[in-house]
Amino acid sequence: MDYEKLDLVLSDDSPAISLAVDDAVGDVVRQLCWAHRMTRPAEVIEEPIEQTA
């Protein structure tokens, strides 16, 4: 694989994967995969919402 031609790397947000990407390809744009991106709002929204009367 010619890493110099990479414009984007998709992955989960694992620190180990981030380090591996740094070692293998260096400075490249990264994006969370769709499944991992969609779980983040659920983590934030899980807080109960207080209702006012």
PDB file of N, CA and C in Angstrom:
ATOM      1  N   MET A   1       0.846  -1.170   0.000  1.00  0.00           N
ATOM      2  CA  MET A   1       0.000   0.000   0.000  1.00  0.00           C
ATOM      3  C   MET A   1       0.894   1.236   0.000  1.00  0.00           C
ATOM      4  N   ASP A   2       0.535   2.211  -0.812  1.00  0.00           N
ATOM      5  CA  ASP A   2       1.281   3.457  -0.877  1.00  0.00           C
ATOM      6  C   ASP A   2       0.647   4.460   0.084  1.00  0.00           C
ATOM      7  N   TYR A   3       1.192   4.545   1.301  1.00  0.00           N
ATOM      8  CA  TYR A   3       0.618   5.388   2.340  1.00  0.00           C
ATOM      9  C   TYR A   3       0.665   6.875   2.004  1.00  0.00           C
ATOM     10  N   GLU A   4       1.548   7.274   1.124  1.00  0.00           N
ATOM     11  CA  GLU A   4       1.660   8.683   0.761  1.00  0.00           C
ATOM     12  C   GLU A   4       0.432   9.170   0.001  1.00  0.00           C
ATOM     13  N   LYS A   5      -0.341   8.260  -0.570  1.00  0.00           N
ATOM     14  CA  LYS A   5      -1.530   8.644  -1.331  1.00  0.00           C
ATOM     15  C   LYS A   5      -2.795   8.701  -0.474  1.00  0.00           C
ATOM     16  N   LEU A   6      -2.690   8.336   0.815  1.00  0.00           N
ATOM     17  CA  LEU A   6      -3.864   8.351   1.680  1.00  0.00           C
ATOM     18  C   LEU A   6      -4.279   9.777   2.001  1.00  0.00           C
ATOM     19  N   ASP A   7      -5.592  10.051   1.873  1.00  0.00           N
ATOM     20  CA  ASP A   7      -6.145  11.343   2.248  1.00  0.00           C
ATOM     21  C   ASP A   7      -6.936  11.258   3.547  1.00  0.00           C
ATOM     22  N   LEU A   8      -7.401  10.050   3.886  1.00  0.00           N
ATOM     23  CA  LEU A   8      -8.299   9.888   5.019  1.00  0.00           C
ATOM     24  C   LEU A   8      -8.157   8.487   5.604  1.00  0.00           C
ATOM     25  N   VAL A   9      -8.212   8.388   6.940  1.00  0.00           N
ATOM     26  CA  VAL A   9      -8.209   7.100   7.623  1.00  0.00           C
ATOM     27  C   VAL A   9      -9.465   7.034   8.481  1.00  0.00           C
ATOM     28  N   LEU A  10     -10.248   5.979   8.319  1.00  0.00           N
ATOM     29  CA  LEU A  10     -11.439   5.739   9.136  1.00  0.00           C
ATOM     30  C   LEU A  10     -11.100   4.702  10.188  1.00  0.00           C
ATOM     31  N   SER A  11     -11.510   4.951  11.432  1.00  0.00           N
ATOM     32  CA  SER A  11     -11.241   3.994  12.496  1.00  0.00           C
ATOM     33  C   SER A  11     -12.154   4.282  13.673  1.00  0.00           C
ATOM     34  N   ASP A  12     -12.019   3.439  14.719  1.00  0.00           N
ATOM     35  CA  ASP A  12     -12.694   3.776  15.967  1.00  0.00           C
ATOM     36  C   ASP A  12     -11.778   4.726  16.725  1.00  0.00           C
ATOM     37  N   ASP A  13     -12.143   5.082  17.947  1.00  0.00           N
ATOM     38  CA  ASP A  13     -11.344   6.072  18.674  1.00  0.00           C
ATOM     39  C   ASP A  13     -10.375   5.435  19.668  1.00  0.00           C
ATOM     40  N   SER A  14      -9.917   4.243  19.355  1.00  0.00           N
ATOM     41  CA  SER A  14      -8.961   3.538  20.197  1.00  0.00           C
ATOM     42  C   SER A  14      -7.611   4.255  20.196  1.00  0.00           C
ATOM     43  N   PRO A  15      -7.059   4.524  21.380  1.00  0.00           N
ATOM     44  CA  PRO A  15      -5.735   5.151  21.435  1.00  0.00           C
ATOM     45  C   PRO A  15      -4.664   4.308  20.745  1.00  0.00           C
ATOM     46  N   ALA A  16      -4.771   2.986  20.847  1.00  0.00           N
ATOM     47  CA  ALA A  16      -3.789   2.109  20.208  1.00  0.00           C
ATOM     48  C   ALA A  16      -3.837   2.234  18.688  1.00  0.00           C
ATOM     49  N   ILE A  17      -5.030   2.322  18.143  1.00  0.00           N
ATOM     50  CA  ILE A  17      -5.151   2.484  16.689  1.00  0.00           C
ATOM     51  C   ILE A  17      -4.609   3.844  16.267  1.00  0.00           C
ATOM     52  N   SER A  18      -4.879   4.876  17.048  1.00  0.00           N
ATOM     53  CA  SER A  18      -4.344   6.205  16.725  1.00  0.00           C
ATOM     54  C   SER A  18      -2.819   6.195  16.682  1.00  0.00           C
ATOM     55  N   LEU A  19      -2.204   5.530  17.657  1.00  0.00           N
ATOM     56  CA  LEU A  19      -0.744   5.434  17.650  1.00  0.00           C
ATOM     57  C   LEU A  19      -0.239   4.648  16.449  1.00  0.00           C
ATOM     58  N   ALA A  20      -0.930   3.573  16.108  1.00  0.00           N
ATOM     59  CA  ALA A  20      -0.525   2.765  14.956  1.00  0.00           C
ATOM     60  C   ALA A  20      -0.643   3.563  13.662  1.00  0.00           C
ATOM     61  N   VAL A  21      -1.706   4.340  13.530  1.00  0.00           N
ATOM     62  CA  VAL A  21      -1.870   5.185  12.337  1.00  0.00           C
ATOM     63  C   VAL A  21      -0.754   6.215  12.285  1.00  0.00           C
ATOM     64  N   ASP A  22      -0.440   6.825  13.423  1.00  0.00           N
ATOM     65  CA  ASP A  22       0.679   7.789  13.461  1.00  0.00           C
ATOM     66  C   ASP A  22       1.971   7.147  12.981  1.00  0.00           C
ATOM     67  N   ASP A  23       2.250   5.944  13.465  1.00  0.00           N
ATOM     68  CA  ASP A  23       3.484   5.253  13.089  1.00  0.00           C
ATOM     69  C   ASP A  23       3.494   4.853  11.619  1.00  0.00           C
ATOM     70  N   ALA A  24       2.341   4.404  11.122  1.00  0.00           N
ATOM     71  CA  ALA A  24       2.297   3.871   9.755  1.00  0.00           C
ATOM     72  C   ALA A  24       2.193   4.947   8.692  1.00  0.00           C
ATOM     73  N   VAL A  25       1.353   5.957   8.914  1.00  0.00           N
ATOM     74  CA  VAL A  25       1.095   6.919   7.842  1.00  0.00           C
ATOM     75  C   VAL A  25       1.390   8.362   8.207  1.00  0.00           C
ATOM     76  N   GLY A  26       1.629   8.632   9.485  1.00  0.00           N
ATOM     77  CA  GLY A  26       1.957   9.999   9.878  1.00  0.00           C
ATOM     78  C   GLY A  26       0.750  10.911   9.878  1.00  0.00           C
ATOM     79  N   ASP A  27       0.932  12.099   9.366  1.00  0.00           N
ATOM     80  CA  ASP A  27      -0.087  13.145   9.413  1.00  0.00           C
ATOM     81  C   ASP A  27      -1.126  12.932   8.312  1.00  0.00           C
ATOM     82  N   VAL A  28      -2.291  12.420   8.706  1.00  0.00           N
ATOM     83  CA  VAL A  28      -3.371  12.191   7.755  1.00  0.00           C
ATOM     84  C   VAL A  28      -4.686  12.512   8.463  1.00  0.00           C
ATOM     85  N   VAL A  29      -5.666  12.962   7.709  1.00  0.00           N
ATOM     86  CA  VAL A  29      -6.983  13.276   8.274  1.00  0.00           C
ATOM     87  C   VAL A  29      -7.628  11.990   8.761  1.00  0.00           C
ATOM     88  N   ARG A  30      -8.257  12.067   9.942  1.00  0.00           N
ATOM     89  CA  ARG A  30      -8.914  10.887  10.525  1.00  0.00           C
ATOM     90  C   ARG A  30     -10.379  11.179  10.760  1.00  0.00           C
ATOM     91  N   GLN A  31     -11.174  10.140  10.670  1.00  0.00           N
ATOM     92  CA  GLN A  31     -12.601  10.263  10.913  1.00  0.00           C
ATOM     93  C   GLN A  31     -13.076   9.007  11.628  1.00  0.00           C
ATOM     94  N   LEU A  32     -13.965   9.178  12.607  1.00  0.00           N
ATOM     95  CA  LEU A  32     -14.552   8.017  13.261  1.00  0.00           C
ATOM     96  C   LEU A  32     -15.470   7.299  12.282  1.00  0.00           C
ATOM     97  N   CYS A  33     -15.468   5.979  12.344  1.00  0.00           N
ATOM     98  CA  CYS A  33     -16.375   5.239  11.483  1.00  0.00           C
ATOM     99  C   CYS A  33     -17.809   5.571  11.876  1.00  0.00           C
ATOM    100  N   TRP A  34     -18.735   5.354  10.968  1.00  0.00           N
ATOM    101  CA  TRP A  34     -20.127   5.743  11.159  1.00  0.00           C
ATOM    102  C   TRP A  34     -20.710   5.125  12.430  1.00  0.00           C
ATOM    103  N   ALA A  35     -20.494   3.850  12.652  1.00  0.00           N
ATOM    104  CA  ALA A  35     -21.067   3.170  13.820  1.00  0.00           C
ATOM    105  C   ALA A  35     -20.545   3.789  15.116  1.00  0.00           C
ATOM    106  N   HIS A  36     -19.253   4.093  15.187  1.00  0.00           N
ATOM    107  CA  HIS A  36     -18.700   4.696  16.393  1.00  0.00           C
ATOM    108  C   HIS A  36     -19.151   6.146  16.542  1.00  0.00           C
ATOM    109  N   ARG A  37     -19.277   6.849  15.447  1.00  0.00           N
ATOM    110  CA  ARG A  37     -19.736   8.236  15.497  1.00  0.00           C
ATOM    111  C   ARG A  37     -21.170   8.302  16.030  1.00  0.00           C
ATOM    112  N   MET A  38     -22.013   7.357  15.623  1.00  0.00           N
ATOM    113  CA  MET A  38     -23.410   7.369  16.041  1.00  0.00           C
ATOM    114  C   MET A  38     -23.587   6.980  17.510  1.00  0.00           C
ATOM    115  N   THR A  39     -22.626   6.286  18.108  1.00  0.00           N
ATOM    116  CA  THR A  39     -22.760   5.929  19.519  1.00  0.00           C
ATOM    117  C   THR A  39     -22.408   7.099  20.434  1.00  0.00           C
ATOM    118  N   ARG A  40     -21.647   8.029  19.955  1.00  0.00           N
ATOM    119  CA  ARG A  40     -21.259   9.168  20.794  1.00  0.00           C
ATOM    120  C   ARG A  40     -22.453  10.013  21.234  1.00  0.00           C
ATOM    121  N   PRO A  41     -23.376  10.401  20.349  1.00  0.00           N
ATOM    122  CA  PRO A  41     -24.531  11.173  20.835  1.00  0.00           C
ATOM    123  C   PRO A  41     -25.325  10.407  21.888  1.00  0.00           C
ATOM    124  N   ALA A  42     -25.428   9.098  21.749  1.00  0.00           N
ATOM    125  CA  ALA A  42     -26.161   8.300  22.731  1.00  0.00           C
ATOM    126  C   ALA A  42     -25.490   8.382  24.090  1.00  0.00           C
ATOM    127  N   GLU A  43     -24.167   8.414  24.126  1.00  0.00           N
ATOM    128  CA  GLU A  43     -23.446   8.515  25.391  1.00  0.00           C
ATOM    129  C   GLU A  43     -23.707   9.867  26.056  1.00  0.00           C
ATOM    130  N   VAL A  44     -23.814  10.905  25.269  1.00  0.00           N
ATOM    131  CA  VAL A  44     -24.019  12.247  25.797  1.00  0.00           C
ATOM    132  C   VAL A  44     -25.470  12.439  26.240  1.00  0.00           C
ATOM    133  N   ILE A  45     -26.405  11.890  25.496  1.00  0.00           N
ATOM    134  CA  ILE A  45     -27.828  12.111  25.744  1.00  0.00           C
ATOM    135  C   ILE A  45     -28.373  11.252  26.877  1.00  0.00           C
ATOM    136  N   GLU A  46     -27.670  10.243  27.310  1.00  0.00           N
ATOM    137  CA  GLU A  46     -28.183   9.333  28.325  1.00  0.00           C
ATOM    138  C   GLU A  46     -28.484  10.005  29.662  1.00  0.00           C
ATOM    139  N   GLU A  47     -28.027  11.224  29.876  1.00  0.00           N
ATOM    140  CA  GLU A  47     -28.346  11.930  31.104  1.00  0.00           C
ATOM    141  C   GLU A  47     -29.833  12.217  31.135  1.00  0.00           C
ATOM    142  N   PRO A  48     -30.502  11.995  32.277  1.00  0.00           N
ATOM    143  CA  PRO A  48     -31.942  12.268  32.349  1.00  0.00           C
ATOM    144  C   PRO A  48     -32.225  13.763  32.172  1.00  0.00           C
ATOM    145  N   ILE A  49     -33.291  14.043  31.486  1.00  0.00           N
ATOM    146  CA  ILE A  49     -33.701  15.430  31.247  1.00  0.00           C
ATOM    147  C   ILE A  49     -34.747  15.801  32.296  1.00  0.00           C
ATOM    148  N   GLU A  50     -34.509  16.890  33.007  1.00  0.00           N
ATOM    149  CA  GLU A  50     -35.460  17.328  34.010  1.00  0.00           C
ATOM    150  C   GLU A  50     -36.602  18.049  33.329  1.00  0.00           C
ATOM    151  N   GLN A  51     -37.820  17.689  33.714  1.00  0.00           N
ATOM    152  CA  GLN A  51     -39.003  18.343  33.153  1.00  0.00           C
ATOM    153  C   GLN A  51     -39.532  19.353  34.154  1.00  0.00           C
ATOM    154  N   THR A  52     -39.913  20.508  33.648  1.00  0.00           N
ATOM    155  CA  THR A  52     -40.503  21.517  34.520  1.00  0.00           C
ATOM    156  C   THR A  52     -42.004  21.479  34.373  1.00  0.00           C
ATOM    157  N   ALA A  53     -42.693  21.766  35.453  1.00  0.00           N
ATOM    158  CA  ALA A  53     -44.166  21.705  35.446  1.00  0.00           C
ATOM    159  C   ALA A  53     -44.767  22.953  34.889  1.00  0.00           C
TER     160      ALA A  53
END
